[in-house]
Amino acid sequence: MDEIQNFAQWSLDAIREEGGSFSWLEEQRFDWTTTTSQALEQILNGKTIILITDKKRKWLEKYILSNLNSEKLERPLLPIISIDCMYQHYDGVTGGEMIDVVEDMISLSHKENCFFWYIGKGDDKRADIAKRKDTSYFWIFDEDYLNAFNLKSYDKSLDIKLLQLYRLFDASLNAAMFGEVDVNS
């Protein structure tokens, strides 16, 4: 039986296997492993992912929702839902009181068995609900947010980098689910 690998080392090896186009990620691998290992642990513990993106990343939301549970994958299906599917008027949510109402609705349906995955600009109001929870997973732009994977929205290669991140996330998820990597190390 193969030895279970440490997640940080596994991530570095996976990034290097992808070649030069992923070299930017090698420099940020510590931010990657810290944040992603916590998200993977929550997924392995059966939590539902509530995906939130800013408006410019709606294309990525659709991509993730259609690929995370693709019929081509040979792994168990994972509970993931868009915040907009839970509450169609989410864009109209402003202020703490209305966010409390949405949080209450989510709490009624999921208890504490969910976490937010936010992708987008840090100052976007769509990020506010995720920023309230320590368990949230962030790919956040233009803000040095604690325990988040930080990117720049003005990066000309941003869309490519986001797809690369998703590819690494998906591979990390497989490795964690099939016991190839220990996300707690």
N, C-alpha and C. Protein backbone atom coordinates (compact mmCIF):
# COMPACT_ATOMS: atom_id res chain seq x y z
N MET A 1 0.84 -1.18 0.00
CA MET A 1 0.00 0.00 0.00
C MET A 1 0.89 1.25 0.00
N ASP A 2 0.51 2.23 -0.80
CA ASP A 2 1.27 3.48 -0.88
C ASP A 2 1.06 4.29 0.39
N GLU A 3 2.08 5.07 0.72
CA GLU A 3 2.02 5.93 1.89
C GLU A 3 1.18 7.15 1.56
N ILE A 4 0.38 7.58 2.53
CA ILE A 4 -0.43 8.79 2.36
C ILE A 4 0.51 9.99 2.43
N GLN A 5 0.38 10.87 1.42
CA GLN A 5 1.28 12.01 1.32
C GLN A 5 0.75 13.24 2.06
N ASN A 6 1.67 14.04 2.54
CA ASN A 6 1.37 15.33 3.14
C ASN A 6 0.79 16.23 2.03
N PHE A 7 -0.29 17.00 2.35
CA PHE A 7 -0.97 17.80 1.33
C PHE A 7 -0.08 18.87 0.70
N ALA A 8 0.75 19.50 1.50
CA ALA A 8 1.63 20.54 0.97
C ALA A 8 2.60 19.95 -0.06
N GLN A 9 3.18 18.81 0.25
CA GLN A 9 4.11 18.17 -0.69
C GLN A 9 3.37 17.67 -1.92
N TRP A 10 2.20 17.09 -1.71
CA TRP A 10 1.40 16.59 -2.83
C TRP A 10 1.06 17.75 -3.77
N SER A 11 0.66 18.90 -3.20
CA SER A 11 0.30 20.07 -4.01
C SER A 11 1.49 20.55 -4.83
N LEU A 12 2.66 20.62 -4.20
CA LEU A 12 3.86 21.05 -4.91
C LEU A 12 4.16 20.11 -6.07
N ASP A 13 4.08 18.81 -5.83
CA ASP A 13 4.32 17.82 -6.88
C ASP A 13 3.29 17.96 -8.02
N ALA A 14 2.03 18.16 -7.64
CA ALA A 14 0.96 18.30 -8.65
C ALA A 14 1.17 19.57 -9.49
N ILE A 15 1.57 20.65 -8.86
CA ILE A 15 1.83 21.91 -9.58
C ILE A 15 2.99 21.72 -10.54
N ARG A 16 4.05 21.10 -10.09
CA ARG A 16 5.22 20.89 -10.94
C ARG A 16 4.93 19.93 -12.09
N GLU A 17 4.08 18.95 -11.87
CA GLU A 17 3.70 18.02 -12.94
C GLU A 17 3.00 18.74 -14.08
N GLU A 18 2.28 19.80 -13.76
CA GLU A 18 1.55 20.55 -14.78
C GLU A 18 2.48 21.36 -15.68
N GLY A 19 3.68 21.61 -15.23
CA GLY A 19 4.65 22.32 -16.07
C GLY A 19 4.64 23.81 -15.85
N GLY A 20 5.28 24.50 -16.79
CA GLY A 20 5.54 25.94 -16.68
C GLY A 20 4.32 26.81 -16.55
N SER A 21 3.20 26.41 -17.12
CA SER A 21 2.01 27.27 -17.06
C SER A 21 1.47 27.39 -15.64
N PHE A 22 1.86 26.50 -14.76
CA PHE A 22 1.42 26.55 -13.37
C PHE A 22 2.47 27.14 -12.44
N SER A 23 3.60 27.62 -12.99
CA SER A 23 4.70 28.08 -12.15
C SER A 23 4.28 29.23 -11.21
N TRP A 24 3.35 30.08 -11.63
CA TRP A 24 2.87 31.16 -10.78
C TRP A 24 2.28 30.62 -9.48
N LEU A 25 1.70 29.44 -9.56
CA LEU A 25 1.03 28.86 -8.40
C LEU A 25 2.02 28.30 -7.39
N GLU A 26 3.19 27.90 -7.87
CA GLU A 26 4.20 27.38 -6.96
C GLU A 26 4.59 28.43 -5.92
N GLU A 27 4.66 29.68 -6.34
CA GLU A 27 5.01 30.77 -5.42
C GLU A 27 3.93 31.00 -4.36
N GLN A 28 2.70 30.64 -4.66
CA GLN A 28 1.59 30.87 -3.74
C GLN A 28 1.09 29.57 -3.11
N ARG A 29 1.88 28.53 -3.20
CA ARG A 29 1.40 27.22 -2.77
C ARG A 29 1.07 27.14 -1.29
N PHE A 30 1.73 27.96 -0.45
CA PHE A 30 1.43 27.90 0.98
C PHE A 30 0.03 28.45 1.27
N ASP A 31 -0.32 29.55 0.57
CA ASP A 31 -1.70 30.06 0.69
C ASP A 31 -2.68 29.02 0.17
N TRP A 32 -2.32 28.37 -0.92
CA TRP A 32 -3.17 27.34 -1.51
C TRP A 32 -3.41 26.19 -0.53
N THR A 33 -2.33 25.64 0.00
CA THR A 33 -2.48 24.45 0.84
C THR A 33 -3.21 24.77 2.15
N THR A 34 -2.94 25.92 2.73
CA THR A 34 -3.60 26.29 3.99
C THR A 34 -5.11 26.39 3.81
N THR A 35 -5.53 27.14 2.82
CA THR A 35 -6.97 27.37 2.63
C THR A 35 -7.67 26.15 2.05
N THR A 36 -7.04 25.50 1.09
CA THR A 36 -7.71 24.39 0.41
C THR A 36 -7.81 23.17 1.31
N SER A 37 -6.81 22.93 2.15
CA SER A 37 -6.91 21.77 3.03
C SER A 37 -8.11 21.90 3.97
N GLN A 38 -8.39 23.12 4.44
CA GLN A 38 -9.55 23.32 5.31
C GLN A 38 -10.86 23.08 4.56
N ALA A 39 -10.93 23.52 3.31
CA ALA A 39 -12.13 23.29 2.50
C ALA A 39 -12.30 21.80 2.22
N LEU A 40 -11.21 21.12 1.87
CA LEU A 40 -11.29 19.68 1.59
C LEU A 40 -11.73 18.90 2.83
N GLU A 41 -11.21 19.29 3.97
CA GLU A 41 -11.60 18.62 5.22
C GLU A 41 -13.11 18.75 5.44
N GLN A 42 -13.65 19.94 5.17
CA GLN A 42 -15.10 20.15 5.33
C GLN A 42 -15.89 19.29 4.35
N ILE A 43 -15.40 19.19 3.13
CA ILE A 43 -16.07 18.35 2.13
C ILE A 43 -16.04 16.89 2.57
N LEU A 44 -14.88 16.42 3.03
CA LEU A 44 -14.75 15.04 3.48
C LEU A 44 -15.65 14.75 4.68
N ASN A 45 -15.94 15.78 5.46
CA ASN A 45 -16.84 15.63 6.61
C ASN A 45 -18.32 15.77 6.22
N GLY A 46 -18.59 15.86 4.91
CA GLY A 46 -19.96 15.85 4.42
C GLY A 46 -20.67 17.18 4.38
N LYS A 47 -19.95 18.27 4.51
CA LYS A 47 -20.59 19.58 4.46
C LYS A 47 -20.98 19.95 3.03
N THR A 48 -22.07 20.68 2.90
CA THR A 48 -22.53 21.20 1.62
C THR A 48 -21.74 22.46 1.29
N ILE A 49 -21.34 22.58 0.04
CA ILE A 49 -20.65 23.78 -0.46
C ILE A 49 -21.71 24.74 -0.98
N ILE A 50 -21.71 25.96 -0.47
CA ILE A 50 -22.58 27.01 -1.01
C ILE A 50 -21.66 27.95 -1.78
N LEU A 51 -21.76 27.89 -3.10
CA LEU A 51 -20.87 28.63 -3.99
C LEU A 51 -21.42 30.03 -4.27
N ILE A 52 -20.55 31.01 -4.11
CA ILE A 52 -20.89 32.41 -4.37
C ILE A 52 -19.78 33.00 -5.24
N THR A 53 -20.16 33.68 -6.30
CA THR A 53 -19.17 34.40 -7.10
C THR A 53 -19.67 35.83 -7.30
N ASP A 54 -18.74 36.71 -7.63
CA ASP A 54 -19.17 38.04 -8.03
C ASP A 54 -19.74 37.92 -9.45
N LYS A 55 -20.33 38.97 -9.94
CA LYS A 55 -21.01 38.92 -11.26
C LYS A 55 -20.05 38.55 -12.40
N LYS A 56 -18.83 39.07 -12.37
CA LYS A 56 -17.89 38.80 -13.45
C LYS A 56 -17.43 37.34 -13.48
N ARG A 57 -17.61 36.61 -12.38
CA ARG A 57 -17.18 35.21 -12.32
C ARG A 57 -18.35 34.25 -12.39
N LYS A 58 -19.51 34.69 -12.85
CA LYS A 58 -20.66 33.80 -13.01
C LYS A 58 -20.33 32.64 -13.94
N TRP A 59 -19.50 32.90 -14.95
CA TRP A 59 -19.10 31.84 -15.88
C TRP A 59 -18.37 30.72 -15.12
N LEU A 60 -17.55 31.09 -14.14
CA LEU A 60 -16.80 30.10 -13.37
C LEU A 60 -17.75 29.32 -12.45
N GLU A 61 -18.71 30.01 -11.89
CA GLU A 61 -19.71 29.33 -11.06
C GLU A 61 -20.40 28.23 -11.88
N LYS A 62 -20.84 28.58 -13.09
CA LYS A 62 -21.50 27.58 -13.95
C LYS A 62 -20.55 26.43 -14.28
N TYR A 63 -19.30 26.76 -14.53
CA TYR A 63 -18.30 25.74 -14.86
C TYR A 63 -18.10 24.79 -13.68
N ILE A 64 -17.95 25.34 -12.48
CA ILE A 64 -17.75 24.51 -11.29
C ILE A 64 -18.98 23.64 -11.03
N LEU A 65 -20.16 24.24 -11.09
CA LEU A 65 -21.38 23.49 -10.83
C LEU A 65 -21.59 22.35 -11.83
N SER A 66 -21.18 22.57 -13.08
CA SER A 66 -21.37 21.52 -14.08
C SER A 66 -20.25 20.49 -14.08
N ASN A 67 -19.10 20.82 -13.51
CA ASN A 67 -17.97 19.88 -13.56
C ASN A 67 -17.67 19.16 -12.25
N LEU A 68 -18.01 19.73 -11.12
CA LEU A 68 -17.67 19.11 -9.84
C LEU A 68 -18.30 17.72 -9.70
N ASN A 69 -19.51 17.58 -10.21
CA ASN A 69 -20.21 16.29 -10.16
C ASN A 69 -20.46 15.73 -11.55
N SER A 70 -19.51 15.93 -12.45
CA SER A 70 -19.65 15.42 -13.82
C SER A 70 -19.85 13.91 -13.82
N GLU A 71 -20.66 13.44 -14.75
CA GLU A 71 -20.90 11.99 -14.83
C GLU A 71 -19.64 11.22 -15.23
N LYS A 72 -18.64 11.93 -15.74
CA LYS A 72 -17.39 11.27 -16.13
C LYS A 72 -16.49 10.96 -14.94
N LEU A 73 -16.76 11.58 -13.81
CA LEU A 73 -15.93 11.39 -12.62
C LEU A 73 -16.29 10.08 -11.93
N GLU A 74 -15.29 9.45 -11.40
CA GLU A 74 -15.53 8.20 -10.68
C GLU A 74 -15.31 8.43 -9.19
N ARG A 75 -16.14 9.30 -8.64
CA ARG A 75 -16.10 9.57 -7.20
C ARG A 75 -17.53 9.85 -6.76
N PRO A 76 -17.76 9.80 -5.46
CA PRO A 76 -19.12 10.11 -4.97
C PRO A 76 -19.53 11.53 -5.35
N LEU A 77 -20.83 11.73 -5.49
CA LEU A 77 -21.35 13.07 -5.77
C LEU A 77 -21.23 13.92 -4.52
N LEU A 78 -20.96 15.19 -4.72
CA LEU A 78 -20.76 16.11 -3.61
C LEU A 78 -21.88 17.14 -3.56
N PRO A 79 -22.35 17.45 -2.36
CA PRO A 79 -23.40 18.47 -2.25
C PRO A 79 -22.85 19.87 -2.49
N ILE A 80 -23.28 20.49 -3.57
CA ILE A 80 -22.87 21.87 -3.90
C ILE A 80 -24.08 22.58 -4.49
N ILE A 81 -24.23 23.83 -4.09
CA ILE A 81 -25.34 24.63 -4.60
C ILE A 81 -24.89 26.08 -4.69
N SER A 82 -25.44 26.79 -5.63
CA SER A 82 -25.18 28.22 -5.77
C SER A 82 -26.07 28.98 -4.79
N ILE A 83 -25.54 30.04 -4.21
CA ILE A 83 -26.34 30.89 -3.32
C ILE A 83 -27.56 31.41 -4.06
N ASP A 84 -27.43 31.65 -5.36
CA ASP A 84 -28.54 32.20 -6.15
C ASP A 84 -29.66 31.18 -6.33
N CYS A 85 -29.32 29.89 -6.28
CA CYS A 85 -30.36 28.85 -6.33
C CYS A 85 -31.09 28.74 -4.99
N MET A 86 -30.40 29.07 -3.93
CA MET A 86 -31.02 29.04 -2.60
C MET A 86 -31.93 30.24 -2.39
N TYR A 87 -31.47 31.39 -2.90
CA TYR A 87 -32.23 32.63 -2.74
C TYR A 87 -32.02 33.47 -3.99
N GLN A 88 -33.01 33.46 -4.88
CA GLN A 88 -32.89 34.14 -6.17
C GLN A 88 -32.66 35.63 -6.07
N HIS A 89 -33.01 36.22 -4.96
CA HIS A 89 -32.89 37.67 -4.80
C HIS A 89 -31.63 38.05 -4.02
N TYR A 90 -30.64 37.18 -4.03
CA TYR A 90 -29.44 37.41 -3.24
C TYR A 90 -28.75 38.73 -3.60
N ASP A 91 -28.81 39.13 -4.86
CA ASP A 91 -28.20 40.40 -5.26
C ASP A 91 -28.85 41.60 -4.58
N GLY A 92 -30.08 41.44 -4.15
CA GLY A 92 -30.79 42.52 -3.48
C GLY A 92 -30.51 42.59 -1.99
N VAL A 93 -29.75 41.63 -1.48
CA VAL A 93 -29.44 41.60 -0.05
C VAL A 93 -28.45 42.71 0.28
N THR A 94 -28.87 43.63 1.13
CA THR A 94 -27.98 44.70 1.57
C THR A 94 -28.12 44.84 3.07
N GLY A 95 -27.04 45.13 3.71
CA GLY A 95 -27.07 45.36 5.15
C GLY A 95 -27.09 44.09 5.96
N GLY A 96 -26.63 44.24 7.18
CA GLY A 96 -26.48 43.11 8.08
C GLY A 96 -27.78 42.40 8.42
N GLU A 97 -28.86 43.16 8.56
CA GLU A 97 -30.13 42.55 8.94
C GLU A 97 -30.63 41.58 7.87
N MET A 98 -30.51 41.96 6.61
CA MET A 98 -30.98 41.09 5.53
C MET A 98 -30.04 39.88 5.38
N ILE A 99 -28.75 40.07 5.61
CA ILE A 99 -27.82 38.94 5.58
C ILE A 99 -28.18 37.96 6.70
N ASP A 100 -28.59 38.49 7.87
CA ASP A 100 -29.03 37.63 8.97
C ASP A 100 -30.21 36.76 8.54
N VAL A 101 -31.15 37.34 7.81
CA VAL A 101 -32.33 36.60 7.34
C VAL A 101 -31.90 35.46 6.41
N VAL A 102 -30.99 35.76 5.49
CA VAL A 102 -30.50 34.72 4.56
C VAL A 102 -29.74 33.65 5.34
N GLU A 103 -28.91 34.06 6.29
CA GLU A 103 -28.17 33.10 7.12
C GLU A 103 -29.13 32.20 7.90
N ASP A 104 -30.21 32.78 8.41
CA ASP A 104 -31.21 31.98 9.13
C ASP A 104 -31.84 30.93 8.22
N MET A 105 -32.15 31.33 6.99
CA MET A 105 -32.73 30.39 6.04
C MET A 105 -31.75 29.24 5.76
N ILE A 106 -30.48 29.58 5.56
CA ILE A 106 -29.47 28.56 5.30
C ILE A 106 -29.30 27.66 6.52
N SER A 107 -29.31 28.25 7.70
CA SER A 107 -29.18 27.49 8.94
C SER A 107 -30.35 26.52 9.13
N LEU A 108 -31.53 26.94 8.78
CA LEU A 108 -32.70 26.06 8.89
C LEU A 108 -32.58 24.84 7.98
N SER A 109 -32.04 25.04 6.79
CA SER A 109 -31.95 23.93 5.85
C SER A 109 -30.67 23.11 5.98
N HIS A 110 -29.59 23.71 6.46
CA HIS A 110 -28.31 22.98 6.50
C HIS A 110 -27.70 22.87 7.89
N LYS A 111 -28.34 23.48 8.90
CA LYS A 111 -27.75 23.55 10.25
C LYS A 111 -26.35 24.15 10.11
N GLU A 112 -25.35 23.57 10.73
CA GLU A 112 -23.98 24.05 10.57
C GLU A 112 -23.21 23.15 9.61
N ASN A 113 -23.94 22.44 8.78
CA ASN A 113 -23.34 21.43 7.90
C ASN A 113 -23.11 21.96 6.49
N CYS A 114 -22.60 23.19 6.41
CA CYS A 114 -22.30 23.78 5.11
C CYS A 114 -21.19 24.81 5.30
N PHE A 115 -20.60 25.21 4.17
CA PHE A 115 -19.63 26.31 4.19
C PHE A 115 -19.71 27.04 2.87
N PHE A 116 -19.29 28.32 2.90
CA PHE A 116 -19.32 29.15 1.70
C PHE A 116 -17.99 29.06 0.97
N TRP A 117 -18.08 29.02 -0.36
CA TRP A 117 -16.91 29.12 -1.22
C TRP A 117 -17.14 30.36 -2.06
N TYR A 118 -16.37 31.41 -1.77
CA TYR A 118 -16.53 32.68 -2.48
C TYR A 118 -15.38 32.89 -3.46
N ILE A 119 -15.74 33.27 -4.69
CA ILE A 119 -14.76 33.59 -5.73
C ILE A 119 -15.12 34.96 -6.29
N GLY A 120 -14.22 35.93 -6.11
CA GLY A 120 -14.49 37.25 -6.67
C GLY A 120 -13.77 38.35 -5.93
N LYS A 121 -14.15 39.57 -6.27
CA LYS A 121 -13.53 40.75 -5.66
C LYS A 121 -13.89 40.82 -4.18
N GLY A 122 -12.90 41.21 -3.41
CA GLY A 122 -13.10 41.28 -1.97
C GLY A 122 -14.11 42.32 -1.53
N ASP A 123 -14.21 43.41 -2.28
CA ASP A 123 -15.12 44.49 -1.88
C ASP A 123 -16.53 44.32 -2.45
N ASP A 124 -16.81 43.21 -3.12
CA ASP A 124 -18.14 42.96 -3.67
C ASP A 124 -19.09 42.58 -2.54
N LYS A 125 -20.30 43.14 -2.54
CA LYS A 125 -21.24 42.85 -1.45
C LYS A 125 -21.67 41.38 -1.44
N ARG A 126 -21.47 40.67 -2.56
CA ARG A 126 -21.81 39.24 -2.59
C ARG A 126 -20.88 38.43 -1.67
N ALA A 127 -19.74 39.02 -1.29
CA ALA A 127 -18.79 38.33 -0.41
C ALA A 127 -19.18 38.47 1.06
N ASP A 128 -20.07 39.39 1.39
CA ASP A 128 -20.33 39.72 2.78
C ASP A 128 -20.77 38.54 3.63
N ILE A 129 -21.65 37.71 3.12
CA ILE A 129 -22.14 36.58 3.92
C ILE A 129 -21.02 35.57 4.21
N ALA A 130 -20.16 35.34 3.22
CA ALA A 130 -19.04 34.41 3.41
C ALA A 130 -18.02 34.97 4.39
N LYS A 131 -17.83 36.28 4.37
CA LYS A 131 -16.85 36.91 5.27
C LYS A 131 -17.27 36.83 6.73
N ARG A 132 -18.51 36.52 6.99
CA ARG A 132 -18.99 36.39 8.36
C ARG A 132 -18.60 35.04 9.00
N LYS A 133 -18.18 34.10 8.19
CA LYS A 133 -17.92 32.74 8.70
C LYS A 133 -16.44 32.39 8.60
N ASP A 134 -15.89 31.88 9.69
CA ASP A 134 -14.49 31.46 9.71
C ASP A 134 -14.24 30.23 8.84
N THR A 135 -15.29 29.49 8.55
CA THR A 135 -15.15 28.24 7.79
C THR A 135 -15.17 28.47 6.28
N SER A 136 -15.41 29.70 5.83
CA SER A 136 -15.52 29.97 4.39
C SER A 136 -14.19 29.76 3.67
N TYR A 137 -14.32 29.42 2.40
CA TYR A 137 -13.18 29.19 1.49
C TYR A 137 -13.20 30.31 0.48
N PHE A 138 -12.05 31.00 0.30
CA PHE A 138 -12.02 32.18 -0.57
C PHE A 138 -10.96 32.06 -1.65
N TRP A 139 -11.35 32.43 -2.88
CA TRP A 139 -10.43 32.81 -3.93
C TRP A 139 -10.79 34.28 -4.14
N ILE A 140 -10.07 35.17 -3.48
CA ILE A 140 -10.51 36.56 -3.38
C ILE A 140 -9.54 37.48 -4.13
N PHE A 141 -10.09 38.50 -4.75
CA PHE A 141 -9.30 39.41 -5.58
C PHE A 141 -9.16 40.79 -4.94
N ASP A 142 -7.96 41.36 -5.11
CA ASP A 142 -7.67 42.75 -4.75
C ASP A 142 -7.84 43.03 -3.26
N GLU A 143 -7.67 42.04 -2.44
CA GLU A 143 -7.78 42.22 -1.01
C GLU A 143 -6.91 41.15 -0.34
N ASP A 144 -6.11 41.57 0.61
CA ASP A 144 -5.33 40.60 1.38
C ASP A 144 -6.20 40.13 2.52
N TYR A 145 -6.98 39.13 2.23
CA TYR A 145 -7.92 38.61 3.21
C TYR A 145 -7.29 37.43 3.92
N LEU A 146 -7.40 37.42 5.23
CA LEU A 146 -6.80 36.37 6.04
C LEU A 146 -7.35 34.99 5.66
N ASN A 147 -6.48 34.03 5.56
CA ASN A 147 -6.84 32.64 5.28
C ASN A 147 -7.60 32.50 3.96
N ALA A 148 -7.11 33.18 2.94
CA ALA A 148 -7.74 33.15 1.62
C ALA A 148 -6.66 32.99 0.56
N PHE A 149 -7.08 32.54 -0.60
CA PHE A 149 -6.17 32.51 -1.74
C PHE A 149 -6.39 33.82 -2.47
N ASN A 150 -5.36 34.67 -2.51
CA ASN A 150 -5.48 36.04 -3.03
C ASN A 150 -4.98 36.14 -4.47
N LEU A 151 -5.77 36.82 -5.29
CA LEU A 151 -5.44 37.07 -6.69
C LEU A 151 -5.70 38.54 -7.01
N LYS A 152 -5.29 38.95 -8.21
CA LYS A 152 -5.52 40.33 -8.66
C LYS A 152 -6.52 40.31 -9.82
N SER A 153 -7.56 41.13 -9.70
CA SER A 153 -8.60 41.14 -10.74
C SER A 153 -8.09 41.72 -12.05
N TYR A 154 -7.03 42.53 -11.99
CA TYR A 154 -6.50 43.15 -13.21
C TYR A 154 -5.44 42.29 -13.89
N ASP A 155 -5.18 41.11 -13.36
CA ASP A 155 -4.23 40.18 -13.98
C ASP A 155 -4.78 39.73 -15.33
N LYS A 156 -4.03 39.95 -16.40
CA LYS A 156 -4.50 39.60 -17.74
C LYS A 156 -4.74 38.10 -17.90
N SER A 157 -4.10 37.30 -17.05
CA SER A 157 -4.24 35.84 -17.12
C SER A 157 -5.20 35.30 -16.06
N LEU A 158 -6.01 36.16 -15.46
CA LEU A 158 -6.86 35.74 -14.35
C LEU A 158 -7.77 34.56 -14.70
N ASP A 159 -8.46 34.62 -15.83
CA ASP A 159 -9.39 33.54 -16.17
C ASP A 159 -8.66 32.21 -16.32
N ILE A 160 -7.50 32.25 -16.94
CA ILE A 160 -6.70 31.03 -17.09
C ILE A 160 -6.28 30.52 -15.71
N LYS A 161 -5.84 31.43 -14.86
CA LYS A 161 -5.42 31.04 -13.51
C LYS A 161 -6.59 30.43 -12.72
N LEU A 162 -7.77 30.98 -12.87
CA LEU A 162 -8.94 30.44 -12.18
C LEU A 162 -9.24 29.01 -12.64
N LEU A 163 -9.13 28.78 -13.94
CA LEU A 163 -9.34 27.42 -14.45
C LEU A 163 -8.25 26.47 -13.96
N GLN A 164 -7.02 26.97 -13.89
CA GLN A 164 -5.93 26.16 -13.35
C GLN A 164 -6.16 25.84 -11.88
N LEU A 165 -6.62 26.82 -11.12
CA LEU A 165 -6.93 26.59 -9.71
C LEU A 165 -8.01 25.54 -9.56
N TYR A 166 -9.04 25.64 -10.41
CA TYR A 166 -10.11 24.64 -10.32
C TYR A 166 -9.57 23.25 -10.67
N ARG A 167 -8.73 23.17 -11.67
CA ARG A 167 -8.13 21.89 -12.04
C ARG A 167 -7.35 21.28 -10.88
N LEU A 168 -6.56 22.11 -10.19
CA LEU A 168 -5.79 21.65 -9.04
C LEU A 168 -6.73 21.30 -7.88
N PHE A 169 -7.77 22.09 -7.69
CA PHE A 169 -8.75 21.80 -6.65
C PHE A 169 -9.40 20.45 -6.89
N ASP A 170 -9.81 20.20 -8.11
CA ASP A 170 -10.46 18.94 -8.47
C ASP A 170 -9.51 17.75 -8.25
N ALA A 171 -8.26 17.90 -8.65
CA ALA A 171 -7.26 16.84 -8.43
C ALA A 171 -7.01 16.65 -6.93
N SER A 172 -6.98 17.74 -6.18
CA SER A 172 -6.79 17.67 -4.73
C SER A 172 -7.96 16.95 -4.07
N LEU A 173 -9.14 17.24 -4.55
CA LEU A 173 -10.34 16.60 -4.02
C LEU A 173 -10.29 15.08 -4.24
N ASN A 174 -9.92 14.69 -5.46
CA ASN A 174 -9.78 13.25 -5.74
C ASN A 174 -8.74 12.61 -4.83
N ALA A 175 -7.59 13.24 -4.71
CA ALA A 175 -6.51 12.69 -3.89
C ALA A 175 -6.95 12.56 -2.43
N ALA A 176 -7.69 13.55 -1.94
CA ALA A 176 -8.17 13.50 -0.55
C ALA A 176 -9.24 12.42 -0.37
N MET A 177 -10.17 12.34 -1.33
CA MET A 177 -11.25 11.36 -1.22
C MET A 177 -10.75 9.92 -1.31
N PHE A 178 -9.72 9.70 -2.09
CA PHE A 178 -9.24 8.34 -2.30
C PHE A 178 -8.04 8.01 -1.42
N GLY A 179 -7.80 8.85 -0.40
CA GLY A 179 -6.80 8.53 0.61
C GLY A 179 -5.36 8.62 0.16
N GLU A 180 -5.10 9.37 -0.91
CA GLU A 180 -3.73 9.54 -1.39
C GLU A 180 -3.00 10.65 -0.64
N VAL A 181 -3.78 11.53 -0.01
CA VAL A 181 -3.20 12.69 0.66
C VAL A 181 -3.92 12.93 1.97
N ASP A 182 -3.18 13.41 2.95
CA ASP A 182 -3.73 13.78 4.25
C ASP A 182 -3.89 15.29 4.26
N VAL A 183 -5.14 15.75 4.24
CA VAL A 183 -5.38 17.19 4.17
C VAL A 183 -5.10 17.88 5.51
N ASN A 184 -4.88 17.12 6.54
CA ASN A 184 -4.58 17.69 7.85
C ASN A 184 -3.07 17.88 8.08
N SER A 185 -2.28 17.58 7.05
CA SER A 185 -0.82 17.70 7.24
C SER A 185 -0.21 18.68 6.27
